[in-house]
């Protein structure tokens, strides 16, 4: 009987889905809602308005690092406090997402996926360190010569 270890590929799928979720939220904040509207929402939730830019940029950077697999576990751990804030902000709205203000279900699921990624790692096809980036970029440059 042949055994295949598919864990790295499962981690890759998780990494791509999770990173895409973070990037979509970052682009939503930066392009659709805009930073002043995010700041107003944060103020309504009792959070500091100046946190709007750091939140959006952290989601953008974290999502990018997770998708690339470039220290993605660390990026996931850094993003967890944002999820804790989102969970607190949406708790009073109920559990489901289709109500005004959104419920806590989506932030909770995103938090579980982020914790899972931090635990199992980046998986297959990850740029796990800057040395890998240098190696790959060197190979690309020499292929163009």
Foldseek 3Di string as FASTA:
>chain_A
DDDDDCLLVVLLVLLLVLLVVLQVVLCCDPPVCHLQNVLVLCVVLVHHSVCSVVSSVLSNVLSVLSNQLAPNLVSLVVCLVVLVVLLSSAPVVDAAQPGPPGHNPVSVVSNVSSVVCNVSGNGPNHCHYVVSVVVVVVVVVVVVD
